[in-house]
């Protein structure tokens, strides 16, 4: 019987260091891609511009946030909306018309798949409520920014 140890070459310290470096670089790739991707600030602004009455949407968003464990952070809500809209044609750098079309498709999909949420006496599409939650977080951020400092 041949010794199986003779058929495999030994891994040198140099190879281990190279493989370790590759592992570190590979682990850092998602962070690098996140840094390279445009932020969602522009998307939040575009979404807010589509609202006919941001204050009314914000009131509905706050009601949802109060009655459910809905997200309140602007960045979290915007990222959730982006994730929801992407399968329906939204992409970073898209136009207002692209965004509006993606929203319409997403809301229709919510209705078709019964992805509805009750707030008070209303049953609303999840996409619509996430947009309202964004309005609530934006108006909250604006109110905190505009509030006089009593310190």
Foldseek 3Di string as FASTA:
>chain_A
DDDPVVVDDDQDPVNVVVVVVVVVVVVCVVVVVVVVFDALPVVLVLLCVPDPDLVVLLVLLVLCVVVDVDDQALRVLSVVLCVLQVVQQDDPVDDSVSVVSSLVVSQVVQVVVVCWDDRPNDTGRPSSSSSSSNSNNVVVVVCVVPDDDPD
